[in-house]
Amino acid sequence: MIILFATAGSGNCFKAQLLMRQLEIAHHTVMVDVIGGETRKPAFLRINPNGTVPFLLLEDGRGIAESNAILWYLAKGSHLFPQSTFEEAMAVQWMIFEQTKLESNISPARFFTTIVPERREGMEDRILAWQSAGRQGLTRLDAHLRFQDFVAGPRYSIADIAVYGYTHVAGEGGFDLDAYPAVSAWIDRIKAITGYVAMPDLAQAA
């Protein structure tokens, strides 16, 4: 059975777990204490030398790091994989956008605002910078979603899961999602899709 190494509260880990739930992929989840430094210990580094989660360990011993690479691998051949060459290109485009314009800003702002607020002191300027850059990304996403229901085309796909991972919890990083009505409507559409599991429930559902 494949194994997903994940940590609670991570949007990147949530992406992989949500996909596997929706595709009903048999797997085992191992929760890792990232804040406690478990990913930097020799035992974990022997599994994933990158020292990151999520990490997917295949039955043959090979592994895949990076959330969007895991999505691509697991969804290939399924209804959640882009259905045309153009949709594949759009999925790649928005999965890169997610990592460079959304996750890279929403995640750290959320981390110091909600996950470890005790470490917030002295980080105010950086948090404001992340929030400013993140709002630009959300504005671009909102403009895109005004004209289509899903990120990469007319169908729900891994591109939506990738972008959704941190976007739907942006409020925990000090972002006002009400300012992005198309994004908010898209979030509601994702939550209504069969097999959806909310992030706080993943550890119990694994």
N, C-alpha and C. Protein backbone atom coordinates (compact mmCIF):
# COMPACT_ATOMS: atom_id res chain seq x y z
N MET A 1 0.84 -1.20 0.00
CA MET A 1 0.00 0.00 0.00
C MET A 1 0.88 1.25 0.00
N ILE A 2 0.48 2.25 -0.76
CA ILE A 2 1.25 3.49 -0.78
C ILE A 2 1.07 4.24 0.53
N ILE A 3 2.08 5.02 0.88
CA ILE A 3 2.08 5.76 2.15
C ILE A 3 2.23 7.24 1.86
N LEU A 4 1.38 8.04 2.47
CA LEU A 4 1.51 9.49 2.39
C LEU A 4 2.00 10.01 3.73
N PHE A 5 3.15 10.67 3.70
CA PHE A 5 3.66 11.35 4.89
C PHE A 5 3.13 12.78 4.84
N ALA A 6 2.45 13.19 5.90
CA ALA A 6 1.78 14.48 5.90
C ALA A 6 1.87 15.11 7.28
N THR A 7 1.44 16.36 7.36
CA THR A 7 1.37 17.03 8.66
C THR A 7 0.04 17.76 8.76
N ALA A 8 -0.47 17.87 9.96
CA ALA A 8 -1.76 18.51 10.18
C ALA A 8 -1.71 19.99 9.82
N GLY A 9 -2.77 20.46 9.18
CA GLY A 9 -2.89 21.89 8.88
C GLY A 9 -2.19 22.36 7.64
N SER A 10 -1.51 21.48 6.93
CA SER A 10 -0.78 21.87 5.73
C SER A 10 -1.68 21.83 4.50
N GLY A 11 -1.75 22.95 3.79
CA GLY A 11 -2.52 22.98 2.55
C GLY A 11 -1.92 22.08 1.49
N ASN A 12 -0.60 21.97 1.47
CA ASN A 12 0.05 21.10 0.49
C ASN A 12 -0.26 19.63 0.75
N CYS A 13 -0.25 19.23 2.01
CA CYS A 13 -0.60 17.85 2.34
C CYS A 13 -2.08 17.59 2.08
N PHE A 14 -2.89 18.58 2.36
CA PHE A 14 -4.33 18.46 2.14
C PHE A 14 -4.65 18.15 0.69
N LYS A 15 -3.91 18.75 -0.24
CA LYS A 15 -4.15 18.50 -1.67
C LYS A 15 -4.08 17.01 -1.98
N ALA A 16 -2.99 16.38 -1.55
CA ALA A 16 -2.79 14.96 -1.85
C ALA A 16 -3.86 14.10 -1.18
N GLN A 17 -4.17 14.42 0.06
CA GLN A 17 -5.16 13.63 0.79
C GLN A 17 -6.55 13.76 0.16
N LEU A 18 -6.91 14.98 -0.23
CA LEU A 18 -8.21 15.20 -0.86
C LEU A 18 -8.31 14.43 -2.18
N LEU A 19 -7.27 14.49 -2.98
CA LEU A 19 -7.28 13.77 -4.25
C LEU A 19 -7.46 12.27 -4.03
N MET A 20 -6.73 11.72 -3.08
CA MET A 20 -6.82 10.28 -2.85
C MET A 20 -8.19 9.89 -2.32
N ARG A 21 -8.82 10.77 -1.56
CA ARG A 21 -10.18 10.50 -1.10
C ARG A 21 -11.14 10.50 -2.29
N GLN A 22 -11.00 11.49 -3.15
CA GLN A 22 -11.95 11.61 -4.25
C GLN A 22 -11.76 10.53 -5.32
N LEU A 23 -10.54 10.02 -5.44
CA LEU A 23 -10.29 8.93 -6.38
C LEU A 23 -10.34 7.56 -5.71
N GLU A 24 -10.61 7.56 -4.41
CA GLU A 24 -10.71 6.32 -3.63
C GLU A 24 -9.45 5.46 -3.78
N ILE A 25 -8.30 6.11 -3.63
CA ILE A 25 -7.02 5.42 -3.72
C ILE A 25 -6.64 4.88 -2.34
N ALA A 26 -6.47 3.58 -2.25
CA ALA A 26 -6.10 2.98 -0.97
C ALA A 26 -4.70 3.46 -0.57
N HIS A 27 -4.58 3.88 0.67
CA HIS A 27 -3.30 4.40 1.13
C HIS A 27 -3.28 4.41 2.65
N HIS A 28 -2.10 4.63 3.17
CA HIS A 28 -1.93 4.81 4.62
C HIS A 28 -1.29 6.17 4.83
N THR A 29 -1.77 6.92 5.79
CA THR A 29 -1.22 8.23 6.09
C THR A 29 -0.40 8.18 7.37
N VAL A 30 0.82 8.68 7.30
CA VAL A 30 1.68 8.81 8.47
C VAL A 30 1.81 10.30 8.78
N MET A 31 1.31 10.71 9.94
CA MET A 31 1.38 12.11 10.32
C MET A 31 2.77 12.42 10.91
N VAL A 32 3.35 13.51 10.43
CA VAL A 32 4.71 13.91 10.80
C VAL A 32 4.65 15.25 11.54
N ASP A 33 5.41 15.38 12.60
CA ASP A 33 5.44 16.61 13.39
C ASP A 33 6.50 17.55 12.81
N VAL A 34 6.08 18.37 11.86
CA VAL A 34 7.02 19.29 11.21
C VAL A 34 7.50 20.36 12.18
N ILE A 35 6.59 20.95 12.92
CA ILE A 35 6.96 22.01 13.86
C ILE A 35 7.93 21.49 14.91
N GLY A 36 7.76 20.23 15.29
CA GLY A 36 8.65 19.62 16.27
C GLY A 36 9.98 19.18 15.69
N GLY A 37 10.17 19.36 14.38
CA GLY A 37 11.45 19.06 13.76
C GLY A 37 11.62 17.64 13.26
N GLU A 38 10.52 16.87 13.18
CA GLU A 38 10.65 15.47 12.78
C GLU A 38 11.18 15.30 11.36
N THR A 39 10.86 16.25 10.47
CA THR A 39 11.31 16.11 9.08
C THR A 39 12.81 16.34 8.93
N ARG A 40 13.46 16.86 9.95
CA ARG A 40 14.91 17.11 9.89
C ARG A 40 15.72 16.01 10.57
N LYS A 41 15.02 15.02 11.11
CA LYS A 41 15.71 13.95 11.81
C LYS A 41 16.16 12.86 10.83
N PRO A 42 17.26 12.17 11.15
CA PRO A 42 17.81 11.16 10.23
C PRO A 42 16.80 10.12 9.78
N ALA A 43 15.90 9.70 10.67
CA ALA A 43 14.94 8.66 10.30
C ALA A 43 14.05 9.11 9.15
N PHE A 44 13.61 10.37 9.19
CA PHE A 44 12.76 10.86 8.10
C PHE A 44 13.58 11.17 6.86
N LEU A 45 14.78 11.72 7.05
CA LEU A 45 15.62 12.06 5.90
C LEU A 45 16.04 10.83 5.11
N ARG A 46 16.05 9.68 5.75
CA ARG A 46 16.32 8.44 5.01
C ARG A 46 15.16 8.11 4.08
N ILE A 47 13.97 8.54 4.45
CA ILE A 47 12.79 8.31 3.61
C ILE A 47 12.70 9.36 2.52
N ASN A 48 12.86 10.62 2.91
CA ASN A 48 12.81 11.74 1.97
C ASN A 48 13.96 12.69 2.26
N PRO A 49 15.04 12.60 1.49
CA PRO A 49 16.21 13.46 1.73
C PRO A 49 15.90 14.94 1.64
N ASN A 50 14.78 15.31 0.98
CA ASN A 50 14.40 16.72 0.91
C ASN A 50 13.91 17.24 2.25
N GLY A 51 13.50 16.34 3.12
CA GLY A 51 13.01 16.74 4.44
C GLY A 51 11.73 17.53 4.40
N THR A 52 10.82 17.16 3.50
CA THR A 52 9.57 17.90 3.34
C THR A 52 8.38 16.94 3.32
N VAL A 53 7.22 17.51 3.61
CA VAL A 53 5.94 16.82 3.41
C VAL A 53 5.06 17.76 2.59
N PRO A 54 4.16 17.19 1.79
CA PRO A 54 3.84 15.77 1.67
C PRO A 54 4.93 15.00 0.93
N PHE A 55 4.98 13.72 1.23
CA PHE A 55 5.87 12.82 0.52
C PHE A 55 5.12 11.52 0.30
N LEU A 56 5.11 11.05 -0.94
CA LEU A 56 4.39 9.83 -1.29
C LEU A 56 5.38 8.71 -1.50
N LEU A 57 5.27 7.67 -0.68
CA LEU A 57 6.14 6.50 -0.80
C LEU A 57 5.37 5.40 -1.50
N LEU A 58 5.88 5.00 -2.66
CA LEU A 58 5.20 3.98 -3.46
C LEU A 58 5.53 2.59 -2.95
N GLU A 59 4.77 1.61 -3.40
CA GLU A 59 4.93 0.25 -2.93
C GLU A 59 6.29 -0.34 -3.30
N ASP A 60 6.89 0.16 -4.40
CA ASP A 60 8.18 -0.37 -4.83
C ASP A 60 9.36 0.36 -4.19
N GLY A 61 9.07 1.29 -3.27
CA GLY A 61 10.12 1.99 -2.55
C GLY A 61 10.50 3.33 -3.14
N ARG A 62 10.04 3.63 -4.35
CA ARG A 62 10.30 4.95 -4.91
C ARG A 62 9.40 5.98 -4.24
N GLY A 63 9.84 7.25 -4.29
CA GLY A 63 9.07 8.29 -3.63
C GLY A 63 8.89 9.52 -4.49
N ILE A 64 7.86 10.28 -4.19
CA ILE A 64 7.56 11.52 -4.91
C ILE A 64 7.36 12.63 -3.89
N ALA A 65 8.15 13.69 -4.02
CA ALA A 65 7.99 14.88 -3.20
C ALA A 65 7.25 15.95 -4.00
N GLU A 66 6.85 17.01 -3.33
CA GLU A 66 6.15 18.16 -3.92
C GLU A 66 4.68 17.82 -4.20
N SER A 67 3.82 18.61 -3.61
CA SER A 67 2.38 18.32 -3.65
C SER A 67 1.82 18.24 -5.06
N ASN A 68 2.22 19.15 -5.93
CA ASN A 68 1.63 19.15 -7.26
C ASN A 68 2.16 18.01 -8.13
N ALA A 69 3.39 17.57 -7.88
CA ALA A 69 3.90 16.38 -8.57
C ALA A 69 3.13 15.15 -8.13
N ILE A 70 2.78 15.09 -6.85
CA ILE A 70 1.99 13.97 -6.34
C ILE A 70 0.61 13.96 -6.99
N LEU A 71 -0.01 15.14 -7.10
CA LEU A 71 -1.32 15.22 -7.75
C LEU A 71 -1.24 14.71 -9.19
N TRP A 72 -0.23 15.16 -9.91
CA TRP A 72 -0.07 14.79 -11.32
C TRP A 72 0.08 13.27 -11.46
N TYR A 73 0.92 12.69 -10.61
CA TYR A 73 1.17 11.25 -10.67
C TYR A 73 -0.09 10.45 -10.36
N LEU A 74 -0.76 10.81 -9.29
CA LEU A 74 -1.91 10.02 -8.84
C LEU A 74 -3.13 10.17 -9.75
N ALA A 75 -3.29 11.34 -10.35
CA ALA A 75 -4.49 11.60 -11.14
C ALA A 75 -4.38 11.13 -12.59
N LYS A 76 -3.16 10.86 -13.05
CA LYS A 76 -2.96 10.47 -14.45
C LYS A 76 -3.88 9.32 -14.83
N GLY A 77 -4.66 9.51 -15.89
CA GLY A 77 -5.58 8.47 -16.36
C GLY A 77 -6.95 8.51 -15.71
N SER A 78 -7.15 9.41 -14.74
CA SER A 78 -8.44 9.51 -14.07
C SER A 78 -9.24 10.69 -14.61
N HIS A 79 -10.48 10.81 -14.15
CA HIS A 79 -11.33 11.92 -14.59
C HIS A 79 -10.88 13.25 -14.00
N LEU A 80 -9.97 13.23 -13.03
CA LEU A 80 -9.48 14.48 -12.45
C LEU A 80 -8.23 15.00 -13.16
N PHE A 81 -7.73 14.23 -14.13
CA PHE A 81 -6.59 14.70 -14.91
C PHE A 81 -7.12 15.53 -16.08
N PRO A 82 -6.44 16.60 -16.48
CA PRO A 82 -6.90 17.41 -17.62
C PRO A 82 -7.20 16.54 -18.83
N GLN A 83 -8.28 16.87 -19.54
CA GLN A 83 -8.78 16.00 -20.60
C GLN A 83 -8.34 16.39 -22.00
N SER A 84 -7.55 17.42 -22.14
CA SER A 84 -7.02 17.80 -23.45
C SER A 84 -5.62 18.38 -23.26
N THR A 85 -4.89 18.48 -24.36
CA THR A 85 -3.54 19.04 -24.28
C THR A 85 -3.58 20.47 -23.77
N PHE A 86 -4.57 21.24 -24.24
CA PHE A 86 -4.69 22.62 -23.78
C PHE A 86 -4.99 22.68 -22.28
N GLU A 87 -5.89 21.81 -21.82
CA GLU A 87 -6.21 21.80 -20.39
C GLU A 87 -5.01 21.36 -19.56
N GLU A 88 -4.18 20.46 -20.11
CA GLU A 88 -2.94 20.10 -19.41
C GLU A 88 -2.06 21.32 -19.25
N ALA A 89 -1.92 22.10 -20.34
CA ALA A 89 -1.09 23.30 -20.28
C ALA A 89 -1.65 24.30 -19.27
N MET A 90 -2.98 24.45 -19.25
CA MET A 90 -3.60 25.36 -18.30
C MET A 90 -3.40 24.87 -16.86
N ALA A 91 -3.47 23.56 -16.68
CA ALA A 91 -3.24 23.00 -15.34
C ALA A 91 -1.83 23.31 -14.87
N VAL A 92 -0.85 23.10 -15.74
CA VAL A 92 0.54 23.41 -15.37
C VAL A 92 0.68 24.89 -15.06
N GLN A 93 0.09 25.73 -15.91
CA GLN A 93 0.17 27.18 -15.71
C GLN A 93 -0.34 27.58 -14.33
N TRP A 94 -1.52 27.06 -13.96
CA TRP A 94 -2.12 27.47 -12.70
C TRP A 94 -1.51 26.77 -11.50
N MET A 95 -0.95 25.59 -11.70
CA MET A 95 -0.25 24.94 -10.60
C MET A 95 1.06 25.66 -10.28
N ILE A 96 1.71 26.20 -11.31
CA ILE A 96 2.89 27.04 -11.07
C ILE A 96 2.47 28.35 -10.41
N PHE A 97 1.39 28.94 -10.90
CA PHE A 97 0.87 30.17 -10.31
C PHE A 97 0.57 29.96 -8.83
N GLU A 98 -0.03 28.83 -8.52
CA GLU A 98 -0.37 28.52 -7.13
C GLU A 98 0.86 28.52 -6.23
N GLN A 99 1.93 27.91 -6.70
CA GLN A 99 3.13 27.81 -5.88
C GLN A 99 3.88 29.13 -5.78
N THR A 100 3.83 29.95 -6.82
CA THR A 100 4.63 31.18 -6.84
C THR A 100 3.88 32.42 -6.37
N LYS A 101 2.56 32.45 -6.55
CA LYS A 101 1.79 33.65 -6.22
C LYS A 101 0.82 33.48 -5.05
N LEU A 102 0.41 32.25 -4.79
CA LEU A 102 -0.57 32.01 -3.72
C LEU A 102 0.07 31.32 -2.52
N GLU A 103 0.47 30.07 -2.68
CA GLU A 103 1.03 29.31 -1.56
C GLU A 103 2.21 30.01 -0.92
N SER A 104 3.08 30.60 -1.74
CA SER A 104 4.30 31.22 -1.21
C SER A 104 4.01 32.45 -0.36
N ASN A 105 2.80 32.97 -0.44
CA ASN A 105 2.41 34.13 0.37
C ASN A 105 1.36 33.79 1.42
N ILE A 106 0.34 33.04 1.02
CA ILE A 106 -0.71 32.68 1.97
C ILE A 106 -0.17 31.77 3.07
N SER A 107 0.65 30.80 2.69
CA SER A 107 1.14 29.83 3.67
C SER A 107 1.94 30.47 4.80
N PRO A 108 2.97 31.28 4.51
CA PRO A 108 3.71 31.86 5.63
C PRO A 108 2.90 32.87 6.44
N ALA A 109 2.02 33.64 5.77
CA ALA A 109 1.17 34.57 6.51
C ALA A 109 0.26 33.80 7.46
N ARG A 110 -0.29 32.71 6.99
CA ARG A 110 -1.16 31.87 7.82
C ARG A 110 -0.37 31.19 8.94
N PHE A 111 0.83 30.76 8.62
CA PHE A 111 1.66 30.06 9.60
C PHE A 111 1.90 30.93 10.84
N PHE A 112 2.30 32.18 10.62
CA PHE A 112 2.62 33.05 11.75
C PHE A 112 1.39 33.71 12.36
N THR A 113 0.27 33.69 11.64
CA THR A 113 -0.95 34.30 12.16
C THR A 113 -1.78 33.31 12.95
N THR A 114 -1.86 32.07 12.48
CA THR A 114 -2.78 31.09 13.06
C THR A 114 -2.10 29.88 13.67
N ILE A 115 -1.08 29.34 13.00
CA ILE A 115 -0.50 28.08 13.45
C ILE A 115 0.49 28.29 14.60
N VAL A 116 1.38 29.27 14.45
CA VAL A 116 2.34 29.56 15.54
C VAL A 116 2.33 31.06 15.84
N PRO A 117 1.20 31.59 16.31
CA PRO A 117 1.13 33.03 16.58
C PRO A 117 2.14 33.49 17.62
N GLU A 118 2.63 32.56 18.44
CA GLU A 118 3.62 32.93 19.44
C GLU A 118 4.96 33.32 18.81
N ARG A 119 5.14 32.99 17.54
CA ARG A 119 6.37 33.36 16.83
C ARG A 119 6.19 34.60 15.97
N ARG A 120 5.05 35.25 16.09
CA ARG A 120 4.72 36.38 15.22
C ARG A 120 5.55 37.63 15.51
N GLU A 121 5.99 37.78 16.75
CA GLU A 121 6.72 38.99 17.13
C GLU A 121 7.95 39.18 16.24
N GLY A 122 8.09 40.37 15.71
CA GLY A 122 9.21 40.69 14.84
C GLY A 122 8.99 40.32 13.39
N MET A 123 7.85 39.69 13.10
CA MET A 123 7.56 39.25 11.73
C MET A 123 6.53 40.14 11.03
N GLU A 124 6.11 41.21 11.69
CA GLU A 124 5.00 42.00 11.17
C GLU A 124 5.24 42.52 9.75
N ASP A 125 6.44 43.04 9.49
CA ASP A 125 6.72 43.60 8.17
C ASP A 125 6.67 42.51 7.09
N ARG A 126 7.21 41.35 7.41
CA ARG A 126 7.20 40.26 6.44
C ARG A 126 5.78 39.75 6.21
N ILE A 127 4.99 39.69 7.28
CA ILE A 127 3.60 39.25 7.14
C ILE A 127 2.83 40.22 6.25
N LEU A 128 3.03 41.51 6.46
CA LEU A 128 2.36 42.50 5.62
C LEU A 128 2.77 42.36 4.16
N ALA A 129 4.04 42.05 3.93
CA ALA A 129 4.52 41.87 2.55
C ALA A 129 3.89 40.63 1.93
N TRP A 130 3.81 39.54 2.69
CA TRP A 130 3.16 38.32 2.18
C TRP A 130 1.68 38.58 1.88
N GLN A 131 1.03 39.32 2.76
CA GLN A 131 -0.38 39.60 2.55
C GLN A 131 -0.59 40.48 1.32
N SER A 132 0.27 41.45 1.12
CA SER A 132 0.16 42.31 -0.06
C SER A 132 0.34 41.52 -1.34
N ALA A 133 1.38 40.68 -1.38
CA ALA A 133 1.62 39.87 -2.57
C ALA A 133 0.52 38.83 -2.76
N GLY A 134 0.04 38.27 -1.66
CA GLY A 134 -1.03 37.28 -1.75
C GLY A 134 -2.32 37.88 -2.28
N ARG A 135 -2.61 39.11 -1.90
CA ARG A 135 -3.82 39.77 -2.41
C ARG A 135 -3.73 39.97 -3.92
N GLN A 136 -2.55 40.25 -4.42
CA GLN A 136 -2.38 40.37 -5.87
C GLN A 136 -2.69 39.04 -6.56
N GLY A 137 -2.22 37.95 -5.97
CA GLY A 137 -2.50 36.64 -6.53
C GLY A 137 -3.98 36.31 -6.49
N LEU A 138 -4.63 36.61 -5.38
CA LEU A 138 -6.06 36.34 -5.26
C LEU A 138 -6.87 37.20 -6.22
N THR A 139 -6.43 38.42 -6.46
CA THR A 139 -7.11 39.29 -7.42
C THR A 139 -7.04 38.70 -8.82
N ARG A 140 -5.87 38.18 -9.18
CA ARG A 140 -5.71 37.55 -10.50
C ARG A 140 -6.58 36.31 -10.61
N LEU A 141 -6.60 35.49 -9.57
CA LEU A 141 -7.43 34.28 -9.58
C LEU A 141 -8.90 34.64 -9.67
N ASP A 142 -9.32 35.66 -8.94
CA ASP A 142 -10.72 36.07 -8.95
C ASP A 142 -11.14 36.52 -10.35
N ALA A 143 -10.28 37.27 -11.01
CA ALA A 143 -10.60 37.72 -12.37
C ALA A 143 -10.74 36.53 -13.31
N HIS A 144 -9.90 35.54 -13.14
CA HIS A 144 -9.95 34.33 -13.99
C HIS A 144 -11.24 33.55 -13.76
N LEU A 145 -11.64 33.41 -12.51
CA LEU A 145 -12.81 32.58 -12.18
C LEU A 145 -14.14 33.29 -12.43
N ARG A 146 -14.10 34.53 -12.83
CA ARG A 146 -15.34 35.20 -13.21
C ARG A 146 -15.90 34.65 -14.52
N PHE A 147 -15.04 34.02 -15.30
CA PHE A 147 -15.43 33.60 -16.64
C PHE A 147 -15.51 32.08 -16.80
N GLN A 148 -15.16 31.32 -15.77
CA GLN A 148 -15.29 29.87 -15.85
C GLN A 148 -15.41 29.30 -14.46
N ASP A 149 -16.04 28.12 -14.38
CA ASP A 149 -16.34 27.53 -13.08
C ASP A 149 -15.13 26.90 -12.42
N PHE A 150 -14.18 26.43 -13.24
CA PHE A 150 -13.02 25.74 -12.68
C PHE A 150 -11.74 26.30 -13.28
N VAL A 151 -10.63 26.01 -12.64
CA VAL A 151 -9.38 26.71 -12.93
C VAL A 151 -8.83 26.43 -14.33
N ALA A 152 -8.77 25.16 -14.73
CA ALA A 152 -8.09 24.81 -15.98
C ALA A 152 -9.03 24.60 -17.16
N GLY A 153 -10.33 24.71 -16.93
CA GLY A 153 -11.28 24.45 -18.00
C GLY A 153 -12.67 24.25 -17.45
N PRO A 154 -13.54 23.58 -18.20
CA PRO A 154 -14.93 23.42 -17.78
C PRO A 154 -15.15 22.36 -16.71
N ARG A 155 -14.10 21.57 -16.41
CA ARG A 155 -14.24 20.47 -15.46
C ARG A 155 -13.34 20.66 -14.25
N TYR A 156 -13.79 20.15 -13.12
CA TYR A 156 -12.98 20.08 -11.91
C TYR A 156 -11.79 19.16 -12.16
N SER A 157 -10.60 19.60 -11.74
CA SER A 157 -9.39 18.81 -12.01
C SER A 157 -8.35 19.04 -10.93
N ILE A 158 -7.19 18.42 -11.12
CA ILE A 158 -6.10 18.60 -10.18
C ILE A 158 -5.66 20.05 -10.07
N ALA A 159 -5.90 20.84 -11.10
CA ALA A 159 -5.56 22.26 -11.02
C ALA A 159 -6.37 22.94 -9.93
N ASP A 160 -7.64 22.57 -9.82
CA ASP A 160 -8.48 23.13 -8.77
C ASP A 160 -8.01 22.70 -7.39
N ILE A 161 -7.67 21.42 -7.26
CA ILE A 161 -7.20 20.92 -5.97
C ILE A 161 -5.92 21.64 -5.56
N ALA A 162 -5.01 21.84 -6.53
CA ALA A 162 -3.75 22.51 -6.23
C ALA A 162 -3.99 23.94 -5.75
N VAL A 163 -4.82 24.67 -6.46
CA VAL A 163 -5.07 26.07 -6.11
C VAL A 163 -5.90 26.18 -4.82
N TYR A 164 -6.78 25.23 -4.63
CA TYR A 164 -7.67 25.25 -3.47
C TYR A 164 -6.93 25.06 -2.15
N GLY A 165 -5.85 24.28 -2.17
CA GLY A 165 -5.17 23.88 -0.95
C GLY A 165 -4.97 24.99 0.07
N TYR A 166 -4.37 26.09 -0.36
CA TYR A 166 -4.16 27.21 0.55
C TYR A 166 -5.15 28.34 0.36
N THR A 167 -5.73 28.44 -0.83
CA THR A 167 -6.67 29.54 -1.07
C THR A 167 -7.86 29.48 -0.13
N HIS A 168 -8.38 28.28 0.12
CA HIS A 168 -9.61 28.19 0.91
C HIS A 168 -9.39 28.50 2.39
N VAL A 169 -8.13 28.51 2.84
CA VAL A 169 -7.85 28.87 4.23
C VAL A 169 -7.10 30.20 4.31
N ALA A 170 -7.18 30.99 3.25
CA ALA A 170 -6.47 32.27 3.23
C ALA A 170 -6.95 33.19 4.36
N GLY A 171 -8.20 33.05 4.76
CA GLY A 171 -8.71 33.87 5.85
C GLY A 171 -7.90 33.70 7.13
N GLU A 172 -7.30 32.52 7.31
CA GLU A 172 -6.48 32.27 8.49
C GLU A 172 -5.14 32.98 8.42
N GLY A 173 -4.85 33.56 7.25
CA GLY A 173 -3.61 34.32 7.09
C GLY A 173 -3.85 35.81 7.02
N GLY A 174 -5.08 36.22 7.35
CA GLY A 174 -5.39 37.65 7.36
C GLY A 174 -5.92 38.18 6.05
N PHE A 175 -6.35 37.29 5.15
CA PHE A 175 -6.91 37.71 3.87
C PHE A 175 -8.44 37.69 3.96
N ASP A 176 -9.08 38.69 3.38
CA ASP A 176 -10.53 38.78 3.39
C ASP A 176 -11.07 38.16 2.11
N LEU A 177 -11.52 36.92 2.18
CA LEU A 177 -12.00 36.23 0.98
C LEU A 177 -13.31 36.82 0.45
N ASP A 178 -14.03 37.57 1.28
CA ASP A 178 -15.25 38.22 0.80
C ASP A 178 -14.93 39.25 -0.28
N ALA A 179 -13.69 39.69 -0.33
CA ALA A 179 -13.28 40.67 -1.34
C ALA A 179 -13.09 40.03 -2.71
N TYR A 180 -13.20 38.70 -2.77
CA TYR A 180 -12.98 37.96 -4.01
C TYR A 180 -14.20 37.06 -4.26
N PRO A 181 -15.30 37.63 -4.74
CA PRO A 181 -16.55 36.86 -4.86
C PRO A 181 -16.46 35.66 -5.79
N ALA A 182 -15.71 35.77 -6.87
CA ALA A 182 -15.59 34.63 -7.78
C ALA A 182 -14.81 33.50 -7.13
N VAL A 183 -13.79 33.85 -6.36
CA VAL A 183 -13.02 32.85 -5.63
C VAL A 183 -13.91 32.19 -4.58
N SER A 184 -14.68 32.99 -3.87
CA SER A 184 -15.57 32.44 -2.82
C SER A 184 -16.60 31.49 -3.42
N ALA A 185 -17.16 31.84 -4.57
CA ALA A 185 -18.13 30.97 -5.23
C ALA A 185 -17.48 29.67 -5.68
N TRP A 186 -16.25 29.76 -6.17
CA TRP A 186 -15.49 28.58 -6.59
C TRP A 186 -15.20 27.67 -5.39
N ILE A 187 -14.85 28.25 -4.25
CA ILE A 187 -14.62 27.46 -3.04
C ILE A 187 -15.88 26.68 -2.68
N ASP A 188 -17.03 27.33 -2.78
CA ASP A 188 -18.29 26.64 -2.48
C ASP A 188 -18.53 25.49 -3.46
N ARG A 189 -18.17 25.68 -4.73
CA ARG A 189 -18.34 24.61 -5.71
C ARG A 189 -17.44 23.41 -5.36
N ILE A 190 -16.22 23.69 -4.94
CA ILE A 190 -15.31 22.60 -4.58
C ILE A 190 -15.87 21.81 -3.40
N LYS A 191 -16.37 22.51 -2.40
CA LYS A 191 -16.89 21.84 -1.21
C LYS A 191 -18.09 20.95 -1.52
N ALA A 192 -18.79 21.23 -2.62
CA ALA A 192 -19.98 20.46 -2.98
C ALA A 192 -19.66 19.24 -3.83
N ILE A 193 -18.40 19.06 -4.21
CA ILE A 193 -18.03 17.94 -5.07
C ILE A 193 -17.97 16.64 -4.28
N THR A 194 -18.43 15.57 -4.89
CA THR A 194 -18.46 14.26 -4.25
C THR A 194 -17.08 13.86 -3.74
N GLY A 195 -17.03 13.38 -2.52
CA GLY A 195 -15.78 12.92 -1.94
C GLY A 195 -15.00 13.99 -1.21
N TYR A 196 -15.55 15.20 -1.16
CA TYR A 196 -14.83 16.28 -0.49
C TYR A 196 -14.68 15.97 1.00
N VAL A 197 -13.49 16.23 1.53
CA VAL A 197 -13.21 16.10 2.95
C VAL A 197 -12.55 17.39 3.41
N ALA A 198 -13.04 17.96 4.49
CA ALA A 198 -12.48 19.21 4.99
C ALA A 198 -11.12 18.97 5.64
N MET A 199 -10.26 19.96 5.57
CA MET A 199 -8.91 19.82 6.10
C MET A 199 -8.86 19.36 7.56
N PRO A 200 -9.65 19.92 8.48
CA PRO A 200 -9.53 19.49 9.89
C PRO A 200 -9.90 18.03 10.11
N ASP A 201 -10.61 17.43 9.17
CA ASP A 201 -11.07 16.05 9.34
C ASP A 201 -10.10 15.02 8.78
N LEU A 202 -9.02 15.47 8.15
CA LEU A 202 -8.18 14.53 7.42
C LEU A 202 -7.48 13.53 8.34
N ALA A 203 -6.99 13.97 9.47
CA ALA A 203 -6.28 13.04 10.35
C ALA A 203 -7.22 11.93 10.82
N GLN A 204 -8.47 12.31 11.11
CA GLN A 204 -9.43 11.31 11.56
C GLN A 204 -9.87 10.40 10.41
N ALA A 205 -9.90 10.97 9.18
CA ALA A 205 -10.39 10.20 8.04
C ALA A 205 -9.33 9.29 7.45
N ALA A 206 -8.06 9.55 7.77
CA ALA A 206 -6.97 8.81 7.13
C ALA A 206 -6.97 7.35 7.54
